[in-house]
Amino acid sequence: MSSSTANGVQVLKLDRKGTELPIIDGLGTARAVIWPGMGATERCINYVELESGSSTVWLEHATEAVYYVMSGTGTVHGDDAPGEWPLLEGSIVHIGDGSRYRFQAQEEGLTFFGGPCPTDPAMFEHLPN
């Protein structure tokens, strides 16, 4: 569902629709909901569902990223600090500029959304303009 007004405001339903991103290691899906291909320049929003035991690939952006956990449990790992941080519904994750990170789902899976800000063009190089 999407609606817009003359000033460019859009309301988008955050669901499994969107442009697929190849960032999953295992079972799950990742979709770009807001991305440069739709005209976004300052923010991207990706919707990610990881099944039990699955993870994202290692990600890294020149700019910061923020994610919100919608459901499930898991961990986020960073290569610039030892260990992992637990995630549960309602968690917010802030990733600093240039940090490598990945998300890992636990038994019940993990669903979250967010992304780098401003947008990272490298995430979308595989897509047609």
Protein backbone atom coordinates (compact mmCIF):
# COMPACT_ATOMS: atom_id res chain seq x y z
CA MET A 1 0.00 0.00 0.00
CA SER A 2 1.33 3.39 -0.87
CA SER A 3 -0.18 6.82 -0.97
CA SER A 4 1.30 10.17 -1.85
CA THR A 5 0.47 13.83 -1.98
CA ALA A 6 1.62 16.64 -4.27
CA ASN A 7 4.47 17.55 -1.89
CA GLY A 8 6.14 14.15 -2.28
CA VAL A 9 5.06 12.51 0.98
CA GLN A 10 4.63 8.74 0.69
CA VAL A 11 3.27 6.17 3.11
CA LEU A 12 4.73 2.75 2.38
CA LYS A 13 3.74 -0.57 3.92
CA LEU A 14 6.80 -2.26 5.38
CA ASP A 15 6.43 -5.84 4.23
CA ARG A 16 7.97 -8.45 1.95
CA LYS A 17 7.57 -6.27 -1.13
CA GLY A 18 10.55 -4.35 -2.44
CA THR A 19 13.72 -4.88 -4.39
CA GLU A 20 15.65 -7.98 -3.32
CA LEU A 21 19.09 -7.50 -1.77
CA PRO A 22 21.71 -10.30 -1.82
CA ILE A 23 22.81 -9.89 1.80
CA ILE A 24 21.47 -13.12 3.38
CA ASP A 25 23.65 -16.06 4.39
CA GLY A 26 21.21 -18.94 4.87
CA LEU A 27 17.43 -18.76 4.75
CA GLY A 28 15.56 -15.48 4.76
CA THR A 29 14.91 -12.42 2.66
CA ALA A 30 16.17 -8.86 2.44
CA ARG A 31 14.35 -6.16 0.49
CA ALA A 32 15.09 -2.51 -0.21
CA VAL A 33 11.88 -0.65 0.60
CA ILE A 34 13.30 2.87 0.28
CA TRP A 35 16.37 3.13 -1.94
CA PRO A 36 18.00 5.27 -4.67
CA GLY A 37 16.08 3.45 -7.41
CA MET A 38 12.90 5.14 -6.17
CA GLY A 39 14.58 8.54 -5.82
CA ALA A 40 15.86 8.37 -2.22
CA THR A 41 19.17 10.14 -1.71
CA GLU A 42 19.53 10.64 2.04
CA ARG A 43 18.12 7.45 3.56
CA CYS A 44 17.47 3.83 2.69
CA ILE A 45 15.21 1.42 4.54
CA ASN A 46 15.74 -2.30 4.13
CA TYR A 47 13.37 -4.96 5.47
CA VAL A 48 15.12 -8.17 6.58
CA GLU A 49 13.72 -11.52 7.74
CA LEU A 50 16.23 -14.12 8.91
CA GLU A 51 15.18 -17.68 9.65
CA SER A 52 16.62 -19.63 12.57
CA GLY A 53 20.44 -19.78 12.43
CA SER A 54 20.69 -17.56 9.34
CA SER A 55 22.59 -14.30 9.19
CA THR A 56 23.36 -11.36 6.99
CA VAL A 57 26.67 -11.29 5.20
CA TRP A 58 29.24 -8.93 6.71
CA LEU A 59 28.16 -5.38 5.88
CA GLU A 60 30.14 -2.14 5.94
CA HIS A 61 29.19 1.40 4.94
CA ALA A 62 31.14 4.68 4.90
CA THR A 63 28.31 6.23 6.91
CA GLU A 64 26.35 5.21 10.00
CA ALA A 65 23.42 2.80 9.96
CA VAL A 66 20.44 2.30 12.28
CA TYR A 67 18.16 -0.74 12.58
CA TYR A 68 15.01 -1.56 14.58
CA VAL A 69 14.12 -5.13 15.60
CA MET A 70 10.46 -5.83 14.88
CA SER A 71 10.30 -9.42 16.13
CA GLY A 72 12.34 -12.43 17.11
CA THR A 73 15.71 -12.70 18.79
CA GLY A 74 19.28 -12.71 17.61
CA THR A 75 22.63 -11.02 17.91
CA VAL A 76 24.63 -8.37 16.13
CA HIS A 77 28.38 -8.84 15.72
CA GLY A 78 30.96 -6.19 14.92
CA ASP A 79 34.56 -6.71 13.93
CA ASP A 80 35.75 -3.55 15.67
CA ALA A 81 34.76 -4.82 19.14
CA PRO A 82 34.84 -8.32 20.60
CA GLY A 83 31.72 -10.29 21.33
CA GLU A 84 28.15 -10.00 20.24
CA TRP A 85 25.18 -8.00 21.43
CA PRO A 86 21.79 -9.64 22.09
CA LEU A 87 18.76 -8.42 20.18
CA LEU A 88 15.07 -8.80 20.96
CA GLU A 89 11.87 -7.13 19.85
CA GLY A 90 12.15 -3.37 20.28
CA SER A 91 15.97 -3.24 20.14
CA ILE A 92 17.57 -0.39 18.21
CA VAL A 93 21.06 -0.89 16.76
CA HIS A 94 23.39 1.97 15.84
CA ILE A 95 26.37 1.14 13.62
CA GLY A 96 29.17 3.71 13.45
CA ASP A 97 30.79 4.99 10.26
CA GLY A 98 32.98 2.37 8.56
CA SER A 99 32.17 -0.47 11.01
CA ARG A 100 31.77 -4.03 9.72
CA TYR A 101 28.78 -5.89 11.19
CA ARG A 102 26.37 -8.75 10.68
CA PHE A 103 23.10 -9.89 12.21
CA GLN A 104 22.49 -13.50 13.33
CA ALA A 105 19.04 -14.98 14.03
CA GLN A 106 18.40 -17.26 16.97
CA GLU A 107 15.91 -20.14 17.09
CA GLU A 108 12.73 -18.11 16.49
CA GLY A 109 14.20 -16.01 13.66
CA LEU A 110 14.77 -12.27 13.49
CA THR A 111 12.90 -9.52 11.61
CA PHE A 112 14.26 -5.98 11.46
CA PHE A 113 14.41 -2.89 9.27
CA GLY A 114 16.75 0.04 8.72
CA GLY A 115 19.92 0.81 6.85
CA PRO A 116 22.71 3.29 6.24
CA CYS A 117 22.16 7.03 6.20
CA PRO A 118 22.83 8.56 3.81
CA THR A 119 22.21 5.66 1.49
CA ASP A 120 25.12 3.40 0.46
CA PRO A 121 25.17 3.07 -3.35
CA ALA A 122 27.28 -0.12 -3.09
CA MET A 123 24.28 -1.99 -1.63
CA PHE A 124 22.43 -1.46 -4.89
CA GLU A 125 25.15 -1.90 -7.54
CA HIS A 126 23.66 -5.23 -8.62
CA LEU A 127 20.32 -3.57 -9.48
CA PRO A 128 19.38 -1.87 -12.75
CA ASN A 129 19.15 1.93 -12.53
